[in-house]
C-alpha cells in the first residue's frame, strides 16, 4: 500500500534552543553489531547533545519483538565491556539502548522516533523508557521558517509489490496483535535466529528497492511541501527533481571495512550530510 497522502500531520515535538535538528535512520542496532552500537552511544553523548531535536526515522533496531522484551533477561546484566558482546541477552541490550536514549532526553534534547520496517512494534513502553515521542509516518516538521516531510521510506517503494503486500498484513492491527500473542520466549527465539543470521551476513546488506517517483511526488503534493527526508533504501543521496528535493539518509554499519554511517544536520546554513565513518588513511 502506498504511503497515505490523505493525512500528513505536523510533528508533535517542539525543538529546544537554537541547536541544529539531526536526522538518523537505519542503524539496525543489535548485539551482533557492537561497533555500530558503540558509534550510536558516542553519537548520543557527542553531536546529539548539541541538537535542538533528534529524529530517528525508522529501523533503529534490527528487530523489536514487542515492548515486553524490556522485561526479558532480568538479572542477566553484564558489564558493557563483555568479551562476547554478540551474546548480550536481548532484554539487557534493549534496556541498555533505551537507557542511553533516556540520558539524552533527560539532558533536554527531544527525541522523536518513527517506526521502520524492522522495528514497527515499537510502542508506548519503549517510548517511555527511551524518553522519546513516537511519530506518524509521514509527518511534517517545521523549523527555521521552513518545513520538511519526514518518512521512513518503505511505503514509497511501491514497485516492490511483494513487500507492500507483506507490509499490509504484518503492519495491520490484526497482524501485529497475532504476533504479540505469541509467548515472549517464542518471539525471543525468532529474534535470536534473526540475530545469528545478521551476524553471519555481517554488514553486506543489500539496498532495498528505491522509492517510486510518483509516490514521492504524490506525498509532497499532498503535504504542500518541496523537501522530503527518508531512509530505508540504504542509498544515501540528495536528489533534485525540479523544485523538489529528496534527502536519503545513510544506513549505519561500523562492523566491517570500510565502515559507513552518518546523519543529516539542519541549521541556519541549511541541510547537510555529516559522515561519521573515519576517513581512510
Protein backbone atom coordinates (compact mmCIF):
# COMPACT_ATOMS: atom_id res chain seq x y z
CA UNK A 1 0.00 0.00 0.00
CA UNK A 2 1.49 3.38 -0.93
CA UNK A 3 2.16 5.96 1.73
CA UNK A 4 -1.03 7.71 2.77
CA UNK A 5 -1.39 11.15 1.24
CA UNK A 6 -4.74 11.82 2.90
CA UNK A 7 -3.14 12.72 6.22
CA UNK A 8 0.26 14.25 6.89
CA UNK A 9 0.22 15.60 10.44
CA UNK A 10 2.65 18.03 11.96
CA UNK A 11 5.45 16.66 14.10
CA UNK A 12 4.21 16.85 17.72
CA UNK A 13 7.64 17.64 19.23
CA UNK A 14 8.98 21.16 19.80
CA UNK A 15 12.74 21.74 19.36
CA UNK A 16 14.65 23.29 22.22
CA UNK A 17 17.18 26.11 21.97
CA UNK A 18 18.97 27.13 18.80
CA UNK A 19 20.95 23.98 18.03
CA UNK A 20 20.60 22.00 14.81
CA UNK A 21 17.97 19.37 14.09
CA UNK A 22 19.60 15.98 13.48
CA UNK A 23 18.19 13.08 11.47
CA UNK A 24 19.32 9.45 11.50
CA UNK A 25 17.82 6.15 10.38
CA UNK A 26 18.58 2.52 9.61
CA UNK A 27 21.08 1.84 12.39
CA UNK A 28 19.80 -1.75 12.71
CA UNK A 29 21.19 -1.97 16.22
CA UNK A 30 21.69 -5.43 17.67
CA UNK A 31 24.18 -7.14 19.98
CA UNK A 32 25.71 -8.71 16.86
CA UNK A 33 26.99 -5.28 15.73
CA UNK A 34 28.98 -3.95 18.71
CA UNK A 35 30.94 -1.31 16.78
CA UNK A 36 27.76 0.18 15.35
CA UNK A 37 26.25 0.20 18.83
CA UNK A 38 29.35 1.96 20.18
CA UNK A 39 29.16 4.66 17.49
CA UNK A 40 25.49 5.22 18.37
CA UNK A 41 26.31 5.59 22.06
CA UNK A 42 29.14 8.01 21.22
CA UNK A 43 26.78 9.94 18.95
CA UNK A 44 24.25 10.31 21.77
CA UNK A 45 26.98 11.61 24.08
CA UNK A 46 28.52 13.82 21.39
CA UNK A 47 26.80 15.56 18.44
CA UNK A 48 23.29 14.81 19.68
CA UNK A 49 23.92 16.75 22.92
CA UNK A 50 24.21 19.97 20.89
CA UNK A 51 21.00 19.35 18.94
CA UNK A 52 17.68 21.09 19.35
CA UNK A 53 15.97 17.80 18.44
CA UNK A 54 16.97 14.31 17.30
CA UNK A 55 14.87 12.43 14.75
CA UNK A 56 15.24 8.67 14.31
CA UNK A 57 13.36 7.80 11.12
CA UNK A 58 12.92 4.06 11.45
CA UNK A 59 14.89 0.84 11.81
CA UNK A 60 16.77 1.98 14.87
CA UNK A 61 16.83 -1.73 15.75
CA UNK A 62 17.45 -4.77 13.60
CA UNK A 63 14.33 -6.19 15.23
CA UNK A 64 11.91 -5.26 18.00
CA UNK A 65 9.60 -8.10 19.01
CA UNK A 66 7.36 -6.12 21.34
CA UNK A 67 7.85 -3.77 24.25
CA UNK A 68 7.79 -6.68 26.70
CA UNK A 69 11.31 -7.55 25.58
CA UNK A 70 12.27 -4.77 28.02
CA UNK A 71 11.26 -7.25 30.77
CA UNK A 72 13.34 -10.13 29.44
CA UNK A 73 16.60 -11.44 30.92
CA UNK A 74 16.26 -9.69 34.25
CA UNK A 75 19.29 -10.46 36.39
CA UNK A 76 21.46 -11.16 33.35
CA UNK A 77 23.13 -7.76 33.18
CA UNK A 78 26.84 -7.90 32.37
CA UNK A 79 29.42 -5.11 32.02
CA UNK A 80 29.30 -3.33 28.63
CA UNK A 81 32.93 -4.39 28.08
CA UNK A 82 31.91 -8.05 27.87
CA UNK A 83 34.31 -10.10 25.78
CA UNK A 84 31.36 -11.50 23.83
CA UNK A 85 29.05 -8.54 23.05
CA UNK A 86 27.15 -10.52 20.43
CA UNK A 87 25.94 -12.81 23.22
CA UNK A 88 24.43 -9.97 25.27
CA UNK A 89 20.88 -11.05 26.19
CA UNK A 90 18.24 -9.25 24.15
CA UNK A 91 16.41 -7.85 27.15
CA UNK A 92 19.65 -6.48 28.60
CA UNK A 93 20.53 -4.94 25.25
CA UNK A 94 17.10 -3.33 24.88
CA UNK A 95 17.33 -1.76 28.32
CA UNK A 96 20.86 -0.53 27.66
CA UNK A 97 19.83 1.21 24.44
CA UNK A 98 16.72 2.83 25.92
CA UNK A 99 18.73 3.98 28.94
CA UNK A 100 21.27 5.67 26.65
CA UNK A 101 18.44 7.44 24.82
CA UNK A 102 16.75 8.42 28.08
CA UNK A 103 20.00 10.03 29.22
CA UNK A 104 19.99 12.26 26.14
CA UNK A 105 16.31 13.10 26.66
CA UNK A 106 16.95 13.94 30.32
CA UNK A 107 19.65 16.40 29.21
CA UNK A 108 16.90 18.36 27.43
CA UNK A 109 17.19 17.12 23.84
CA UNK A 110 13.81 15.95 22.49
CA UNK A 111 13.90 12.57 20.70
CA UNK A 112 11.33 11.78 18.02
CA UNK A 113 11.16 8.19 16.77
CA UNK A 114 9.44 6.82 13.67
CA UNK A 115 8.82 3.11 13.29
CA UNK A 116 10.57 1.29 10.47
CA UNK A 117 10.01 -2.00 8.71
CA UNK A 118 12.24 -3.84 11.20
CA UNK A 119 11.01 -2.22 14.42
CA UNK A 120 7.37 -1.45 13.65
CA UNK A 121 6.36 -2.98 17.00
CA UNK A 122 7.94 -0.14 18.98
CA UNK A 123 5.24 1.04 21.36
CA UNK A 124 4.38 3.22 24.31
CA UNK A 125 6.58 1.39 26.81
CA UNK A 126 9.59 1.79 24.57
CA UNK A 127 8.85 5.49 24.16
CA UNK A 128 8.51 5.94 27.91
CA UNK A 129 11.73 4.04 28.65
CA UNK A 130 13.67 5.98 26.00
CA UNK A 131 12.20 9.39 26.79
CA UNK A 132 11.01 9.60 23.19
CA UNK A 133 7.90 10.65 21.29
CA UNK A 134 6.59 8.36 18.54
CA UNK A 135 5.90 9.91 15.15
CA UNK A 136 3.32 9.23 12.48
CA UNK A 137 4.69 8.17 9.12
CA UNK A 138 4.65 10.51 7.25
CA UNK A 139 4.67 13.79 9.15
CA UNK A 140 5.77 17.38 8.59
CA UNK A 141 8.45 19.08 10.67
CA UNK A 142 8.60 22.89 10.64
CA UNK A 143 11.87 24.54 11.65
CA UNK A 144 13.69 27.80 10.87
CA UNK A 145 10.74 29.08 8.85
CA UNK A 146 10.70 26.07 6.53
CA UNK A 147 9.23 22.57 6.55
CA UNK A 148 10.28 19.03 5.68
CA UNK A 149 8.21 15.93 5.08
CA UNK A 150 9.60 13.01 7.07
CA UNK A 151 9.06 9.31 6.37
CA UNK A 152 10.83 6.03 6.98
CA UNK A 153 10.51 5.44 3.25
CA UNK A 154 9.39 1.83 2.89
CA UNK A 155 5.89 2.86 1.86
CA UNK A 156 7.39 4.87 -1.00
CA UNK A 157 8.92 1.74 -2.56
CA UNK A 158 5.72 0.87 -4.41
CA UNK A 159 7.50 -1.03 -7.18
CA UNK A 160 8.28 -3.78 -4.64
CA UNK A 161 4.82 -5.28 -4.83
CA UNK A 162 5.69 -8.35 -2.76
CA UNK A 163 6.97 -6.27 0.14
CA UNK A 164 3.98 -3.94 0.06
CA UNK A 165 1.70 -6.97 0.23
CA UNK A 166 3.63 -8.33 3.21
CA UNK A 167 3.59 -4.91 4.87
CA UNK A 168 -0.18 -4.63 4.63
CA UNK A 169 -0.54 -7.87 6.58
CA UNK A 170 2.33 -7.53 9.07
CA UNK A 171 1.61 -3.90 9.97
CA UNK A 172 -2.14 -4.34 10.25
CA UNK A 173 -3.65 -4.27 13.73
CA UNK A 174 -4.61 -7.93 13.33
CA UNK A 175 -1.15 -8.95 12.14
CA UNK A 176 0.60 -7.17 14.99
CA UNK A 177 -1.87 -8.47 17.56
CA UNK A 178 -1.35 -12.04 16.35
CA UNK A 179 2.44 -11.83 16.63
CA UNK A 180 2.25 -10.26 20.08
CA UNK A 181 0.01 -13.10 21.32
CA UNK A 182 2.95 -15.49 20.84
CA UNK A 183 4.78 -16.16 24.11
CA UNK A 184 7.76 -13.90 24.69
CA UNK A 185 10.13 -16.88 24.64
CA UNK A 186 8.89 -17.81 21.15
CA UNK A 187 9.35 -14.27 19.88
CA UNK A 188 12.79 -14.16 21.54
CA UNK A 189 13.70 -17.33 19.65
CA UNK A 190 12.64 -15.73 16.38
CA UNK A 191 14.72 -12.66 17.19
CA UNK A 192 17.71 -14.81 18.10
CA UNK A 193 17.57 -16.53 14.72
CA UNK A 194 17.44 -13.11 13.05
CA UNK A 195 20.42 -12.02 15.15
CA UNK A 196 22.50 -15.05 14.18
CA UNK A 197 21.60 -14.58 10.52
CA UNK A 198 22.54 -10.90 10.75
CA UNK A 199 25.88 -11.75 12.35
CA UNK A 200 26.60 -14.31 9.62
CA UNK A 201 25.81 -11.82 6.86
CA UNK A 202 27.85 -9.10 8.52
CA UNK A 203 27.44 -5.65 7.06
CA UNK A 204 26.83 -6.51 3.45
CA UNK A 205 23.17 -5.63 3.49
CA UNK A 206 21.61 -5.16 0.12
CA UNK A 207 19.95 -1.90 -0.73
CA UNK A 208 16.17 -2.06 -0.83
CA UNK A 209 14.12 -1.17 -3.87
CA UNK A 210 14.30 2.56 -4.50
CA UNK A 211 11.47 4.97 -3.80
CA UNK A 212 8.99 5.41 -6.63
CA UNK A 213 9.00 8.86 -8.25
CA UNK A 214 5.21 9.04 -8.46
CA UNK A 215 4.83 8.09 -4.80
CA UNK A 216 7.33 10.79 -3.82
CA UNK A 217 5.53 13.44 -5.89
CA UNK A 218 2.13 12.43 -4.50
CA UNK A 219 3.36 12.67 -0.92
CA UNK A 220 4.99 16.07 -1.35
CA UNK A 221 2.00 17.44 -3.25
CA UNK A 222 -0.41 16.22 -0.57
CA UNK A 223 1.71 17.78 2.18
CA UNK A 224 2.15 21.01 0.21
CA UNK A 225 5.93 20.89 0.71
CA UNK A 226 9.00 20.58 -1.51
CA UNK A 227 11.55 18.68 0.59
CA UNK A 228 11.44 15.06 1.76
CA UNK A 229 13.77 13.25 4.17
CA UNK A 230 13.61 9.47 4.45
CA UNK A 231 15.71 6.37 4.99
CA UNK A 232 15.04 2.66 4.35
CA UNK A 233 16.62 2.26 0.92
CA UNK A 234 20.28 2.33 2.08
CA UNK A 235 21.01 4.60 -0.90
CA UNK A 236 22.18 7.85 0.75
CA UNK A 237 21.98 10.81 -1.61
CA UNK A 238 20.48 14.21 -2.31
CA UNK A 239 18.09 14.14 -5.28
CA UNK A 240 16.76 17.23 -7.02
CA UNK A 241 13.74 16.99 -9.32
CA UNK A 242 12.67 20.43 -10.41
CA UNK A 243 11.61 22.24 -7.26
CA UNK A 244 11.51 19.05 -5.21
CA UNK A 245 14.44 17.91 -3.08
CA UNK A 246 14.78 14.44 -1.54
CA UNK A 247 17.39 13.55 1.06
CA UNK A 248 18.00 9.84 1.64
CA UNK A 249 19.63 9.06 4.99
CA UNK A 250 22.51 6.59 5.22
CA UNK A 251 22.31 3.23 6.93
CA UNK A 252 24.89 2.62 9.67
CA UNK A 253 27.40 -0.21 9.52
CA UNK A 254 30.60 0.14 11.51
CA UNK A 255 31.38 -3.55 11.93
CA UNK A 256 33.01 -4.02 8.51
CA UNK A 257 35.69 -2.38 6.44
CA UNK A 258 35.03 0.17 5.13
CA UNK A 259 32.56 1.40 7.75
CA UNK A 260 29.69 3.70 6.82
CA UNK A 261 27.10 5.86 8.51
CA UNK A 262 26.21 9.43 9.31
CA UNK A 263 23.42 11.90 9.85
CA UNK A 264 21.66 14.87 8.29
CA UNK A 265 22.02 18.21 10.03
CA UNK A 266 19.62 21.15 9.61
CA UNK A 267 20.67 24.53 10.89
CA UNK A 268 20.71 28.16 9.79
CA UNK A 269 23.05 27.21 6.94
CA UNK A 270 20.61 24.68 5.54
CA UNK A 271 20.72 20.90 5.27
CA UNK A 272 23.98 19.00 5.03
CA UNK A 273 25.09 15.40 5.35
CA UNK A 274 27.66 14.57 8.03
CA UNK A 275 29.77 11.42 7.69
CA UNK A 276 30.61 9.55 10.89
CA UNK A 277 32.86 6.99 9.25
CA UNK A 278 36.59 7.57 9.85
CA UNK A 279 38.48 8.85 6.83
CA UNK A 280 40.67 6.39 5.02
CA UNK A 281 44.36 6.86 5.65
